[in-house]
Amino acid sequence: MDRTGNSSDMDPEQQANLAQMQPMSSSYADGLSPYEHKGKVGLEEIFDTEEEVQRKIQILASWVKQSKHIVCHTGAGISTAAGIPDFRGPQGVWTLERKGEKPKFNKSFNEVMPTSTHMAIKTLVDHNIVKFVVSQNIDGLHLRSGLGRQHLAELHGNMFTEQCNKCNGLFLRSDATTSVGCKYLNKNCPGKKGRMCRGKIKDTILDWEHNLPEEELNMADWHSNLADLSIAMGTTMQIVPSGNLPTYAKKRGGKLVICNLQPTKHDKKADLIINTYTDRVMDGLLKALELEASSYDPSLDPTKKTFAPKEPGDGKHVFGHVLDNSKLTTVHKVLPQLADK
């Protein structure tokens, strides 16, 4: 096996042993508590004709050009192209669970890479077209695409972050956690900026009974209320409150666009529904806007960065990188003023 974790030279038994040690994308759900109310699963997928897809992309592009505050809402469907199964699709985790089966494709979170959709969203944010991204995904691919932390709310956690229960400091991991459900990881918080902390470190992946992180939810709520165009991608929007956020744009006369292969909870409220793969929509949108998509750059992937310790007790010494959440707080403080304008 090389340093990237490539197991092509391993025999089946060695590959199986490696899989047990790696945080596999389809097995993350096994760590969650039993829960019966997972919504509608296994609904038939719908595909627009190529002509319809192109027509709708042009409509979307015209609305994007007219809008001032665009918010993207993303679900598991935008990461299937990376090799991560969704939950309610025909081959989704919850769909197959009811049949006593497991997804056939199952990559490690450490192996997957941002998709065309992730990179297109980053491109739109870099050009100040999209103002904010609200994600239900825990795969960390938005952050790994190079998307700035101040533009992102991760409502259900991130496999590549850990958090202190006392100072609430967020710490990046270089590899995905194998823990799920905000469990303590037998680590002490090293503190931030040289200040010692006696807190305990836990993973950030929510279980069914957990409340959404307040700071993330506040940001998502404010931006969703400010939006004049919400674009929901790869989600059936069945889980609340995150599933209702895309509809907030409608309160102020804004538009809701849904890109998904299955019917969603809010189809009746949508101004435009595009039934095709999100990569096709986002590639077509960038082309219509005459923008070139950003390429994945490891130097912008915070999980790939290494930092030398500055002083004893610095969080960077133990965890590699302290995730700067201050921008999230700073922006949140000025949002009430923006909403009144």
C-alpha atoms as a PDB file:
ATOM      1  CA  MET A   1       0.000   0.000   0.000  1.00  0.00           C
ATOM      2  CA  ASP A   2       1.360   3.443  -0.920  1.00  0.00           C
ATOM      3  CA  ARG A   3       0.963   6.646   1.119  1.00  0.00           C
ATOM      4  CA  THR A   4      -2.376   7.433  -0.527  1.00  0.00           C
ATOM      5  CA  GLY A   5      -3.904   4.237   0.867  1.00  0.00           C
ATOM      6  CA  ASN A   6      -4.037   2.502  -2.516  1.00  0.00           C
ATOM      7  CA  SER A   7      -4.788  -1.172  -1.874  1.00  0.00           C
ATOM      8  CA  SER A   8      -4.594  -2.447  -5.445  1.00  0.00           C
ATOM      9  CA  ASP A   9      -1.625  -4.705  -4.623  1.00  0.00           C
ATOM     10  CA  MET A  10      -3.335  -6.266  -1.601  1.00  0.00           C
ATOM     11  CA  ASP A  11      -4.982  -9.669  -1.505  1.00  0.00           C
ATOM     12  CA  PRO A  12      -8.721  -9.811  -0.545  1.00  0.00           C
ATOM     13  CA  GLU A  13      -8.004 -10.572   3.119  1.00  0.00           C
ATOM     14  CA  GLN A  14      -5.639  -7.594   3.441  1.00  0.00           C
ATOM     15  CA  GLN A  15      -8.185  -5.311   1.746  1.00  0.00           C
ATOM     16  CA  ALA A  16     -10.885  -6.478   4.157  1.00  0.00           C
ATOM     17  CA  ASN A  17      -8.632  -5.769   7.144  1.00  0.00           C
ATOM     18  CA  LEU A  18      -7.874  -2.295   5.779  1.00  0.00           C
ATOM     19  CA  ALA A  19     -11.572  -1.578   5.273  1.00  0.00           C
ATOM     20  CA  GLN A  20     -12.244  -2.349   8.940  1.00  0.00           C
ATOM     21  CA  MET A  21      -9.731   0.317   9.972  1.00  0.00           C
ATOM     22  CA  GLN A  22     -10.979   3.001   7.572  1.00  0.00           C
ATOM     23  CA  PRO A  23     -14.035   5.254   8.032  1.00  0.00           C
ATOM     24  CA  MET A  24     -16.145   3.855   5.188  1.00  0.00           C
ATOM     25  CA  SER A  25     -18.804   6.086   3.660  1.00  0.00           C
ATOM     26  CA  SER A  26     -21.713   3.639   3.722  1.00  0.00           C
ATOM     27  CA  SER A  27     -20.973   2.272   7.194  1.00  0.00           C
ATOM     28  CA  TYR A  28     -21.058   5.656   8.953  1.00  0.00           C
ATOM     29  CA  ALA A  29     -24.825   5.211   9.329  1.00  0.00           C
ATOM     30  CA  ASP A  30     -24.235   2.020  11.323  1.00  0.00           C
ATOM     31  CA  GLY A  31     -22.931   4.165  14.172  1.00  0.00           C
ATOM     32  CA  LEU A  32     -26.191   6.092  14.500  1.00  0.00           C
ATOM     33  CA  SER A  33     -28.924   5.208  16.977  1.00  0.00           C
ATOM     34  CA  PRO A  34     -31.925   3.211  15.685  1.00  0.00           C
ATOM     35  CA  TYR A  35     -34.533   5.535  14.205  1.00  0.00           C
ATOM     36  CA  GLU A  36     -37.768   4.650  12.427  1.00  0.00           C
ATOM     37  CA  HIS A  37     -38.848   7.966  10.888  1.00  0.00           C
ATOM     38  CA  LYS A  38     -36.372   8.292   8.032  1.00  0.00           C
ATOM     39  CA  GLY A  39     -38.929   9.561   5.523  1.00  0.00           C
ATOM     40  CA  LYS A  40     -39.799   8.253   2.073  1.00  0.00           C
ATOM     41  CA  VAL A  41     -37.064   6.130   0.552  1.00  0.00           C
ATOM     42  CA  GLY A  42     -36.526   4.410  -2.774  1.00  0.00           C
ATOM     43  CA  LEU A  43     -38.720   6.730  -4.831  1.00  0.00           C
ATOM     44  CA  GLU A  44     -38.365   6.327  -8.584  1.00  0.00           C
ATOM     45  CA  GLU A  45     -35.795   8.588 -10.203  1.00  0.00           C
ATOM     46  CA  ILE A  46     -36.898  11.019 -12.904  1.00  0.00           C
ATOM     47  CA  PHE A  47     -34.706  12.141 -15.804  1.00  0.00           C
ATOM     48  CA  ASP A  48     -35.430  15.197 -17.924  1.00  0.00           C
ATOM     49  CA  THR A  49     -34.584  14.957 -21.609  1.00  0.00           C
ATOM     50  CA  GLU A  50     -31.328  16.552 -22.718  1.00  0.00           C
ATOM     51  CA  GLU A  51     -33.297  19.300 -24.412  1.00  0.00           C
ATOM     52  CA  GLU A  52     -35.234  20.005 -21.221  1.00  0.00           C
ATOM     53  CA  VAL A  53     -32.050  20.034 -19.132  1.00  0.00           C
ATOM     54  CA  GLN A  54     -30.416  22.605 -21.406  1.00  0.00           C
ATOM     55  CA  ARG A  55     -33.530  24.772 -21.469  1.00  0.00           C
ATOM     56  CA  LYS A  56     -33.781  24.753 -17.678  1.00  0.00           C
ATOM     57  CA  ILE A  57     -30.071  25.504 -17.235  1.00  0.00           C
ATOM     58  CA  GLN A  58     -30.540  28.634 -19.330  1.00  0.00           C
ATOM     59  CA  ILE A  59     -33.461  29.689 -17.138  1.00  0.00           C
ATOM     60  CA  LEU A  60     -31.373  29.085 -14.025  1.00  0.00           C
ATOM     61  CA  ALA A  61     -28.475  31.068 -15.497  1.00  0.00           C
ATOM     62  CA  SER A  62     -30.751  34.037 -16.180  1.00  0.00           C
ATOM     63  CA  TRP A  63     -32.036  33.980 -12.607  1.00  0.00           C
ATOM     64  CA  VAL A  64     -28.495  33.713 -11.245  1.00  0.00           C
ATOM     65  CA  LYS A  65     -27.537  36.852 -13.197  1.00  0.00           C
ATOM     66  CA  GLN A  66     -30.520  38.741 -11.751  1.00  0.00           C
ATOM     67  CA  SER A  67     -30.088  37.652  -8.119  1.00  0.00           C
ATOM     68  CA  LYS A  68     -28.183  39.433  -5.384  1.00  0.00           C
ATOM     69  CA  HIS A  69     -28.114  36.855  -2.600  1.00  0.00           C
ATOM     70  CA  ILE A  70     -27.905  33.234  -3.762  1.00  0.00           C
ATOM     71  CA  VAL A  71     -27.728  30.389  -1.264  1.00  0.00           C
ATOM     72  CA  CYS A  72     -26.931  26.787  -2.212  1.00  0.00           C
ATOM     73  CA  HIS A  73     -28.394  23.975  -0.122  1.00  0.00           C
ATOM     74  CA  THR A  74     -26.675  20.621  -0.606  1.00  0.00           C
ATOM     75  CA  GLY A  75     -27.475  17.031   0.296  1.00  0.00           C
ATOM     76  CA  ALA A  76     -26.003  13.585  -0.196  1.00  0.00           C
ATOM     77  CA  GLY A  77     -26.874  13.519  -3.896  1.00  0.00           C
ATOM     78  CA  ILE A  78     -24.020  15.871  -4.796  1.00  0.00           C
ATOM     79  CA  SER A  79     -21.446  13.404  -3.436  1.00  0.00           C
ATOM     80  CA  THR A  80     -22.578  10.186  -5.120  1.00  0.00           C
ATOM     81  CA  ALA A  81     -20.264  10.949  -8.060  1.00  0.00           C
ATOM     82  CA  ALA A  82     -17.389  10.800  -5.557  1.00  0.00           C
ATOM     83  CA  GLY A  83     -18.349   7.258  -4.567  1.00  0.00           C
ATOM     84  CA  ILE A  84     -20.385   8.077  -1.458  1.00  0.00           C
ATOM     85  CA  PRO A  85     -23.869   6.495  -1.426  1.00  0.00           C
ATOM     86  CA  ASP A  86     -26.891   8.681  -0.750  1.00  0.00           C
ATOM     87  CA  PHE A  87     -29.607   7.733   1.725  1.00  0.00           C
ATOM     88  CA  ARG A  88     -32.987   7.604   0.001  1.00  0.00           C
ATOM     89  CA  GLY A  89     -32.126   6.891  -3.626  1.00  0.00           C
ATOM     90  CA  PRO A  90     -32.838   3.488  -5.221  1.00  0.00           C
ATOM     91  CA  GLN A  91     -29.423   2.291  -3.977  1.00  0.00           C
ATOM     92  CA  GLY A  92     -29.355   4.541  -0.910  1.00  0.00           C
ATOM     93  CA  VAL A  93     -28.331   3.510   2.603  1.00  0.00           C
ATOM     94  CA  TRP A  94     -31.813   3.788   4.131  1.00  0.00           C
ATOM     95  CA  THR A  95     -33.474   2.261   1.061  1.00  0.00           C
ATOM     96  CA  LEU A  96     -31.281  -0.832   1.130  1.00  0.00           C
ATOM     97  CA  GLU A  97     -31.459  -1.033   4.919  1.00  0.00           C
ATOM     98  CA  ARG A  98     -35.158  -1.858   4.660  1.00  0.00           C
ATOM     99  CA  LYS A  99     -34.217  -4.801   2.448  1.00  0.00           C
ATOM    100  CA  GLY A 100     -31.479  -5.953   4.771  1.00  0.00           C
ATOM    101  CA  GLU A 101     -28.831  -4.950   2.231  1.00  0.00           C
ATOM    102  CA  LYS A 102     -25.805  -2.644   2.018  1.00  0.00           C
ATOM    103  CA  PRO A 103     -24.726  -0.266  -0.773  1.00  0.00           C
ATOM    104  CA  LYS A 104     -22.564  -1.915  -3.416  1.00  0.00           C
ATOM    105  CA  PHE A 105     -20.116   1.001  -3.662  1.00  0.00           C
ATOM    106  CA  ASN A 106     -18.389   2.080  -0.511  1.00  0.00           C
ATOM    107  CA  LYS A 107     -15.273   4.253  -0.466  1.00  0.00           C
ATOM    108  CA  SER A 108     -13.357   5.523   2.519  1.00  0.00           C
ATOM    109  CA  PHE A 109     -13.970   9.158   3.376  1.00  0.00           C
ATOM    110  CA  ASN A 110     -10.182   9.537   3.168  1.00  0.00           C
ATOM    111  CA  GLU A 111     -10.149   8.461  -0.478  1.00  0.00           C
ATOM    112  CA  VAL A 112     -12.993  10.489  -1.969  1.00  0.00           C
ATOM    113  CA  MET A 113     -12.434  13.810  -3.710  1.00  0.00           C
ATOM    114  CA  PRO A 114     -14.657  16.865  -4.309  1.00  0.00           C
ATOM    115  CA  THR A 115     -16.984  16.447  -7.299  1.00  0.00           C
ATOM    116  CA  SER A 116     -17.663  18.810 -10.188  1.00  0.00           C
ATOM    117  CA  THR A 117     -20.582  20.187  -8.178  1.00  0.00           C
ATOM    118  CA  HIS A 118     -18.372  20.968  -5.171  1.00  0.00           C
ATOM    119  CA  MET A 119     -15.822  22.724  -7.374  1.00  0.00           C
ATOM    120  CA  ALA A 120     -18.515  24.639  -9.302  1.00  0.00           C
ATOM    121  CA  ILE A 121     -20.020  25.914  -6.052  1.00  0.00           C
ATOM    122  CA  LYS A 122     -16.583  27.071  -4.893  1.00  0.00           C
ATOM    123  CA  THR A 123     -16.145  28.853  -8.238  1.00  0.00           C
ATOM    124  CA  LEU A 124     -19.458  30.677  -7.828  1.00  0.00           C
ATOM    125  CA  VAL A 125     -18.532  31.699  -4.287  1.00  0.00           C
ATOM    126  CA  ASP A 126     -15.106  32.900  -5.437  1.00  0.00           C
ATOM    127  CA  HIS A 127     -16.837  35.132  -8.004  1.00  0.00           C
ATOM    128  CA  ASN A 128     -19.180  36.493  -5.317  1.00  0.00           C
ATOM    129  CA  ILE A 129     -22.191  35.009  -7.110  1.00  0.00           C
ATOM    130  CA  VAL A 130     -23.174  32.518  -4.405  1.00  0.00           C
ATOM    131  CA  LYS A 131     -23.103  34.110  -0.951  1.00  0.00           C
ATOM    132  CA  PHE A 132     -23.475  31.061   1.269  1.00  0.00           C
ATOM    133  CA  VAL A 133     -23.669  27.263   1.270  1.00  0.00           C
ATOM    134  CA  VAL A 134     -25.802  25.237   3.677  1.00  0.00           C
ATOM    135  CA  SER A 135     -24.933  21.538   3.708  1.00  0.00           C
ATOM    136  CA  GLN A 136     -26.401  18.484   5.370  1.00  0.00           C
ATOM    137  CA  ASN A 137     -23.368  16.434   4.324  1.00  0.00           C
ATOM    138  CA  ILE A 138     -20.779  15.137   6.762  1.00  0.00           C
ATOM    139  CA  ASP A 139     -18.182  14.137   4.147  1.00  0.00           C
ATOM    140  CA  GLY A 140     -16.148  17.352   4.438  1.00  0.00           C
ATOM    141  CA  LEU A 141     -15.925  17.776   0.653  1.00  0.00           C
ATOM    142  CA  HIS A 142     -17.082  21.410   0.633  1.00  0.00           C
ATOM    143  CA  LEU A 143     -14.298  22.362   3.015  1.00  0.00           C
ATOM    144  CA  ARG A 144     -11.796  20.208   1.134  1.00  0.00           C
ATOM    145  CA  SER A 145     -12.729  21.920  -2.146  1.00  0.00           C
ATOM    146  CA  GLY A 146     -11.225  25.103  -0.711  1.00  0.00           C
ATOM    147  CA  LEU A 147     -14.544  26.755   0.091  1.00  0.00           C
ATOM    148  CA  GLY A 148     -13.961  29.399   2.763  1.00  0.00           C
ATOM    149  CA  ARG A 149     -15.295  28.594   6.225  1.00  0.00           C
ATOM    150  CA  GLN A 150     -17.137  31.913   6.383  1.00  0.00           C
ATOM    151  CA  HIS A 151     -19.295  30.817   3.438  1.00  0.00           C
ATOM    152  CA  LEU A 152     -20.308  27.413   4.829  1.00  0.00           C
ATOM    153  CA  ALA A 153     -22.662  25.981   7.443  1.00  0.00           C
ATOM    154  CA  GLU A 154     -22.352  22.239   8.062  1.00  0.00           C
ATOM    155  CA  LEU A 155     -25.531  21.409   9.932  1.00  0.00           C
ATOM    156  CA  HIS A 156     -24.924  17.730  10.616  1.00  0.00           C
ATOM    157  CA  GLY A 157     -21.191  17.760  11.326  1.00  0.00           C
ATOM    158  CA  ASN A 158     -17.977  16.921   9.482  1.00  0.00           C
ATOM    159  CA  MET A 159     -15.942  13.710   9.491  1.00  0.00           C
ATOM    160  CA  PHE A 160     -12.754  15.799   9.464  1.00  0.00           C
ATOM    161  CA  THR A 161     -13.458  18.016  12.485  1.00  0.00           C
ATOM    162  CA  GLU A 162     -13.416  17.547  16.236  1.00  0.00           C
ATOM    163  CA  GLN A 163     -14.729  19.931  18.884  1.00  0.00           C
ATOM    164  CA  CYS A 164     -14.015  20.797  22.510  1.00  0.00           C
ATOM    165  CA  ASN A 165     -16.946  20.543  24.897  1.00  0.00           C
ATOM    166  CA  LYS A 166     -15.691  23.521  26.926  1.00  0.00           C
ATOM    167  CA  CYS A 167     -14.226  26.199  24.639  1.00  0.00           C
ATOM    168  CA  ASN A 168     -16.121  24.937  21.539  1.00  0.00           C
ATOM    169  CA  GLY A 169     -12.883  25.082  19.549  1.00  0.00           C
ATOM    170  CA  LEU A 170     -13.043  23.223  16.232  1.00  0.00           C
ATOM    171  CA  PHE A 171      -9.982  21.210  15.219  1.00  0.00           C
ATOM    172  CA  LEU A 172      -9.279  19.748  11.809  1.00  0.00           C
ATOM    173  CA  ARG A 173      -8.148  16.174  11.323  1.00  0.00           C
ATOM    174  CA  SER A 174      -5.901  14.989   8.505  1.00  0.00           C
ATOM    175  CA  ASP A 175      -7.992  11.835   8.225  1.00  0.00           C
ATOM    176  CA  ALA A 176     -11.674  11.127   8.805  1.00  0.00           C
ATOM    177  CA  THR A 177     -12.865  10.163  12.256  1.00  0.00           C
ATOM    178  CA  THR A 178     -14.140   6.659  12.916  1.00  0.00           C
ATOM    179  CA  SER A 179     -16.467   7.963  15.629  1.00  0.00           C
ATOM    180  CA  VAL A 180     -20.094   9.005  15.133  1.00  0.00           C
ATOM    181  CA  GLY A 181     -22.643  10.599  17.444  1.00  0.00           C
ATOM    182  CA  CYS A 182     -20.668  13.370  19.202  1.00  0.00           C
ATOM    183  CA  LYS A 183     -18.767  10.815  21.258  1.00  0.00           C
ATOM    184  CA  TYR A 184     -15.734  11.689  23.357  1.00  0.00           C
ATOM    185  CA  LEU A 185     -12.450  10.607  21.776  1.00  0.00           C
ATOM    186  CA  ASN A 186     -10.202  10.187  24.819  1.00  0.00           C
ATOM    187  CA  LYS A 187      -8.390  13.427  23.982  1.00  0.00           C
ATOM    188  CA  ASN A 188      -7.886  16.561  26.021  1.00  0.00           C
ATOM    189  CA  CYS A 189      -8.359  19.937  24.360  1.00  0.00           C
ATOM    190  CA  PRO A 190      -4.937  21.485  23.762  1.00  0.00           C
ATOM    191  CA  GLY A 191      -6.364  25.000  23.863  1.00  0.00           C
ATOM    192  CA  LYS A 192      -6.209  27.785  21.313  1.00  0.00           C
ATOM    193  CA  LYS A 193      -3.719  30.622  20.813  1.00  0.00           C
ATOM    194  CA  GLY A 194      -1.517  29.350  23.609  1.00  0.00           C
ATOM    195  CA  ARG A 195      -4.308  29.312  26.206  1.00  0.00           C
ATOM    196  CA  MET A 196      -4.755  26.023  28.021  1.00  0.00           C
ATOM    197  CA  CYS A 197      -8.172  24.377  28.138  1.00  0.00           C
ATOM    198  CA  ARG A 198      -9.354  21.484  30.290  1.00  0.00           C
ATOM    199  CA  GLY A 199     -12.123  20.461  27.944  1.00  0.00           C
ATOM    200  CA  LYS A 200     -12.607  17.109  26.259  1.00  0.00           C
ATOM    201  CA  ILE A 201     -12.606  16.479  22.512  1.00  0.00           C
ATOM    202  CA  LYS A 202     -15.520  14.808  20.707  1.00  0.00           C
ATOM    203  CA  ASP A 203     -16.487  14.138  17.109  1.00  0.00           C
ATOM    204  CA  THR A 204     -18.962  16.526  15.442  1.00  0.00           C
ATOM    205  CA  ILE A 205     -21.224  13.988  13.680  1.00  0.00           C
ATOM    206  CA  LEU A 206     -24.786  14.392  14.958  1.00  0.00           C
ATOM    207  CA  ASP A 207     -26.979  11.478  15.934  1.00  0.00           C
ATOM    208  CA  TRP A 208     -30.750  11.613  15.441  1.00  0.00           C
ATOM    209  CA  GLU A 209     -31.488  13.062  18.883  1.00  0.00           C
ATOM    210  CA  HIS A 210     -28.896  15.859  18.806  1.00  0.00           C
ATOM    211  CA  ASN A 211     -29.730  19.519  18.311  1.00  0.00           C
ATOM    212  CA  LEU A 212     -28.131  21.223  15.338  1.00  0.00           C
ATOM    213  CA  PRO A 213     -25.032  23.329  16.175  1.00  0.00           C
ATOM    214  CA  GLU A 214     -26.405  26.750  17.132  1.00  0.00           C
ATOM    215  CA  GLU A 215     -23.824  28.874  15.331  1.00  0.00           C
ATOM    216  CA  GLU A 216     -24.134  26.925  12.096  1.00  0.00           C
ATOM    217  CA  LEU A 217     -27.926  26.950  12.219  1.00  0.00           C
ATOM    218  CA  ASN A 218     -28.059  30.680  12.936  1.00  0.00           C
ATOM    219  CA  MET A 219     -25.909  31.393   9.900  1.00  0.00           C
ATOM    220  CA  ALA A 220     -27.939  29.070   7.694  1.00  0.00           C
ATOM    221  CA  ASP A 221     -31.176  30.633   8.908  1.00  0.00           C
ATOM    222  CA  TRP A 222     -30.051  34.222   8.311  1.00  0.00           C
ATOM    223  CA  HIS A 223     -28.689  33.596   4.842  1.00  0.00           C
ATOM    224  CA  SER A 224     -31.753  31.563   3.904  1.00  0.00           C
ATOM    225  CA  ASN A 225     -33.986  34.464   4.921  1.00  0.00           C
ATOM    226  CA  LEU A 226     -31.866  36.917   2.944  1.00  0.00           C
ATOM    227  CA  ALA A 227     -31.828  34.746  -0.182  1.00  0.00           C
ATOM    228  CA  ASP A 228     -33.575  35.886  -3.337  1.00  0.00           C
ATOM    229  CA  LEU A 229     -32.583  32.601  -5.001  1.00  0.00           C
ATOM    230  CA  SER A 230     -32.220  29.257  -3.240  1.00  0.00           C
ATOM    231  CA  ILE A 231     -30.721  26.346  -5.153  1.00  0.00           C
ATOM    232  CA  ALA A 232     -31.321  22.961  -3.498  1.00  0.00           C
ATOM    233  CA  MET A 233     -29.202  20.139  -4.896  1.00  0.00           C
ATOM    234  CA  GLY A 234     -29.072  16.431  -4.163  1.00  0.00           C
ATOM    235  CA  THR A 235     -31.637  16.449  -1.364  1.00  0.00           C
ATOM    236  CA  THR A 236     -35.271  15.446  -0.938  1.00  0.00           C
ATOM    237  CA  MET A 237     -35.470  17.979   1.917  1.00  0.00           C
ATOM    238  CA  GLN A 238     -37.262  15.591   4.272  1.00  0.00           C
ATOM    239  CA  ILE A 239     -35.134  16.235   7.374  1.00  0.00           C
ATOM    240  CA  VAL A 240     -36.090  19.346   9.353  1.00  0.00           C
ATOM    241  CA  PRO A 241     -35.139  22.033  10.048  1.00  0.00           C
ATOM    242  CA  SER A 242     -32.473  21.869   7.315  1.00  0.00           C
ATOM    243  CA  GLY A 243     -34.957  20.668   4.709  1.00  0.00           C
ATOM    244  CA  ASN A 244     -37.187  23.721   5.149  1.00  0.00           C
ATOM    245  CA  LEU A 245     -34.433  26.333   4.844  1.00  0.00           C
ATOM    246  CA  PRO A 246     -34.452  26.468   1.011  1.00  0.00           C
ATOM    247  CA  THR A 247     -38.092  27.570   1.059  1.00  0.00           C
ATOM    248  CA  TYR A 248     -37.347  30.717   3.099  1.00  0.00           C
ATOM    249  CA  ALA A 249     -36.467  32.610  -0.095  1.00  0.00           C
ATOM    250  CA  LYS A 250     -40.133  32.419  -1.054  1.00  0.00           C
ATOM    251  CA  LYS A 251     -41.096  34.577   1.940  1.00  0.00           C
ATOM    252  CA  ARG A 252     -39.573  37.658   0.296  1.00  0.00           C
ATOM    253  CA  GLY A 253     -40.612  36.932  -3.240  1.00  0.00           C
ATOM    254  CA  GLY A 254     -37.463  34.988  -4.085  1.00  0.00           C
ATOM    255  CA  LYS A 255     -37.176  31.837  -6.161  1.00  0.00           C
ATOM    256  CA  LEU A 256     -36.560  28.194  -5.279  1.00  0.00           C
ATOM    257  CA  VAL A 257     -34.753  25.916  -7.715  1.00  0.00           C
ATOM    258  CA  ILE A 258     -34.518  22.183  -7.029  1.00  0.00           C
ATOM    259  CA  CYS A 259     -32.039  19.885  -8.737  1.00  0.00           C
ATOM    260  CA  ASN A 260     -32.700  16.286  -7.758  1.00  0.00           C
ATOM    261  CA  LEU A 261     -33.436  12.935  -9.359  1.00  0.00           C
ATOM    262  CA  GLN A 262     -36.335  12.108  -7.034  1.00  0.00           C
ATOM    263  CA  PRO A 263     -39.469  14.042  -6.046  1.00  0.00           C
ATOM    264  CA  THR A 264     -38.872  16.237  -2.985  1.00  0.00           C
ATOM    265  CA  LYS A 265     -40.928  17.455  -0.091  1.00  0.00           C
ATOM    266  CA  HIS A 266     -41.097  20.980  -1.521  1.00  0.00           C
ATOM    267  CA  ASP A 267     -41.647  20.387  -5.232  1.00  0.00           C
ATOM    268  CA  LYS A 268     -44.929  22.307  -5.145  1.00  0.00           C
ATOM    269  CA  LYS A 269     -43.124  25.415  -3.880  1.00  0.00           C
ATOM    270  CA  ALA A 270     -40.368  25.268  -6.504  1.00  0.00           C
ATOM    271  CA  ASP A 271     -40.146  27.757  -9.365  1.00  0.00           C
ATOM    272  CA  LEU A 272     -37.943  25.354 -11.321  1.00  0.00           C
ATOM    273  CA  ILE A 273     -37.201  21.632 -10.956  1.00  0.00           C
ATOM    274  CA  ILE A 274     -34.304  20.078 -12.860  1.00  0.00           C
ATOM    275  CA  ASN A 275     -34.334  16.288 -12.818  1.00  0.00           C
ATOM    276  CA  THR A 276     -30.797  15.279 -13.689  1.00  0.00           C
ATOM    277  CA  TYR A 277     -27.391  14.847 -12.081  1.00  0.00           C
ATOM    278  CA  THR A 278     -26.123  17.912 -10.218  1.00  0.00           C
ATOM    279  CA  ASP A 279     -22.750  17.737 -11.994  1.00  0.00           C
ATOM    280  CA  ARG A 280     -24.498  18.224 -15.343  1.00  0.00           C
ATOM    281  CA  VAL A 281     -26.440  21.208 -14.042  1.00  0.00           C
ATOM    282  CA  MET A 282     -23.463  22.928 -12.450  1.00  0.00           C
ATOM    283  CA  ASP A 283     -21.160  22.313 -15.411  1.00  0.00           C
ATOM    284  CA  GLY A 284     -23.839  23.727 -17.695  1.00  0.00           C
ATOM    285  CA  LEU A 285     -24.447  26.693 -15.422  1.00  0.00           C
ATOM    286  CA  LEU A 286     -20.771  27.678 -15.364  1.00  0.00           C
ATOM    287  CA  LYS A 287     -20.677  27.396 -19.154  1.00  0.00           C
ATOM    288  CA  ALA A 288     -23.739  29.637 -19.470  1.00  0.00           C
ATOM    289  CA  LEU A 289     -22.103  32.165 -17.134  1.00  0.00           C
ATOM    290  CA  GLU A 290     -18.831  31.897 -19.102  1.00  0.00           C
ATOM    291  CA  LEU A 291     -16.885  30.807 -16.020  1.00  0.00           C
ATOM    292  CA  GLU A 292     -14.177  28.174 -15.761  1.00  0.00           C
ATOM    293  CA  ALA A 293     -14.538  25.751 -12.884  1.00  0.00           C
ATOM    294  CA  SER A 294     -11.845  25.732 -10.220  1.00  0.00           C
ATOM    295  CA  SER A 295      -9.728  22.590 -10.062  1.00  0.00           C
ATOM    296  CA  TYR A 296      -9.092  20.761  -6.823  1.00  0.00           C
ATOM    297  CA  ASP A 297      -5.953  22.198  -5.231  1.00  0.00           C
ATOM    298  CA  PRO A 298      -4.408  20.261  -2.323  1.00  0.00           C
ATOM    299  CA  SER A 299      -2.826  23.493  -1.058  1.00  0.00           C
ATOM    300  CA  LEU A 300      -6.356  24.849  -0.451  1.00  0.00           C
ATOM    301  CA  ASP A 301      -7.551  21.647   1.221  1.00  0.00           C
ATOM    302  CA  PRO A 302      -7.214  22.362   4.966  1.00  0.00           C
ATOM    303  CA  THR A 303      -7.001  18.657   5.775  1.00  0.00           C
ATOM    304  CA  LYS A 304      -3.790  18.464   3.756  1.00  0.00           C
ATOM    305  CA  LYS A 305      -2.061  21.355   5.461  1.00  0.00           C
ATOM    306  CA  THR A 306       0.588  20.874   8.137  1.00  0.00           C
ATOM    307  CA  PHE A 307       1.489  23.418  10.793  1.00  0.00           C
ATOM    308  CA  ALA A 308       4.467  23.629  13.086  1.00  0.00           C
ATOM    309  CA  PRO A 309       3.614  24.194  16.758  1.00  0.00           C
ATOM    310  CA  LYS A 310       3.976  27.822  17.802  1.00  0.00           C
ATOM    311  CA  GLU A 311       4.139  27.249  21.519  1.00  0.00           C
ATOM    312  CA  PRO A 312       3.256  24.620  24.139  1.00  0.00           C
ATOM    313  CA  GLY A 313      -0.491  24.118  24.391  1.00  0.00           C
ATOM    314  CA  ASP A 314      -1.162  25.381  20.883  1.00  0.00           C
ATOM    315  CA  GLY A 315      -3.912  23.328  19.267  1.00  0.00           C
ATOM    316  CA  LYS A 316      -1.896  23.110  16.072  1.00  0.00           C
ATOM    317  CA  HIS A 317       0.691  21.005  17.878  1.00  0.00           C
ATOM    318  CA  VAL A 318      -1.686  18.128  18.598  1.00  0.00           C
ATOM    319  CA  PHE A 319      -4.372  18.283  15.945  1.00  0.00           C
ATOM    320  CA  GLY A 320      -2.577  19.716  12.921  1.00  0.00           C
ATOM    321  CA  HIS A 321      -4.806  22.753  12.394  1.00  0.00           C
ATOM    322  CA  VAL A 322      -7.258  24.826  14.389  1.00  0.00           C
ATOM    323  CA  LEU A 323     -10.325  25.553  12.259  1.00  0.00           C
ATOM    324  CA  ASP A 324     -11.024  29.280  12.360  1.00  0.00           C
ATOM    325  CA  ASN A 325     -14.646  29.651  13.405  1.00  0.00           C
ATOM    326  CA  SER A 326     -14.276  33.335  14.310  1.00  0.00           C
ATOM    327  CA  LYS A 327     -15.329  34.449  10.831  1.00  0.00           C
ATOM    328  CA  LEU A 328     -18.575  32.552  11.250  1.00  0.00           C
ATOM    329  CA  THR A 329     -19.294  34.368  14.513  1.00  0.00           C
ATOM    330  CA  THR A 330     -18.271  37.780  13.155  1.00  0.00           C
ATOM    331  CA  VAL A 331     -20.517  37.496  10.123  1.00  0.00           C
ATOM    332  CA  HIS A 332     -23.411  36.310  12.261  1.00  0.00           C
ATOM    333  CA  LYS A 333     -23.216  39.458  14.405  1.00  0.00           C
ATOM    334  CA  VAL A 334     -23.783  41.768  11.431  1.00  0.00           C
ATOM    335  CA  LEU A 335     -26.505  39.722   9.757  1.00  0.00           C
ATOM    336  CA  PRO A 336     -29.402  41.220  11.762  1.00  0.00           C
ATOM    337  CA  GLN A 337     -28.355  44.647  10.428  1.00  0.00           C
ATOM    338  CA  LEU A 338     -28.273  43.344   6.865  1.00  0.00           C
ATOM    339  CA  ALA A 339     -31.706  41.778   7.226  1.00  0.00           C
ATOM    340  CA  ASP A 340     -33.221  45.133   8.180  1.00  0.00           C
ATOM    341  CA  LYS A 341     -31.991  46.840   5.011  1.00  0.00           C
END
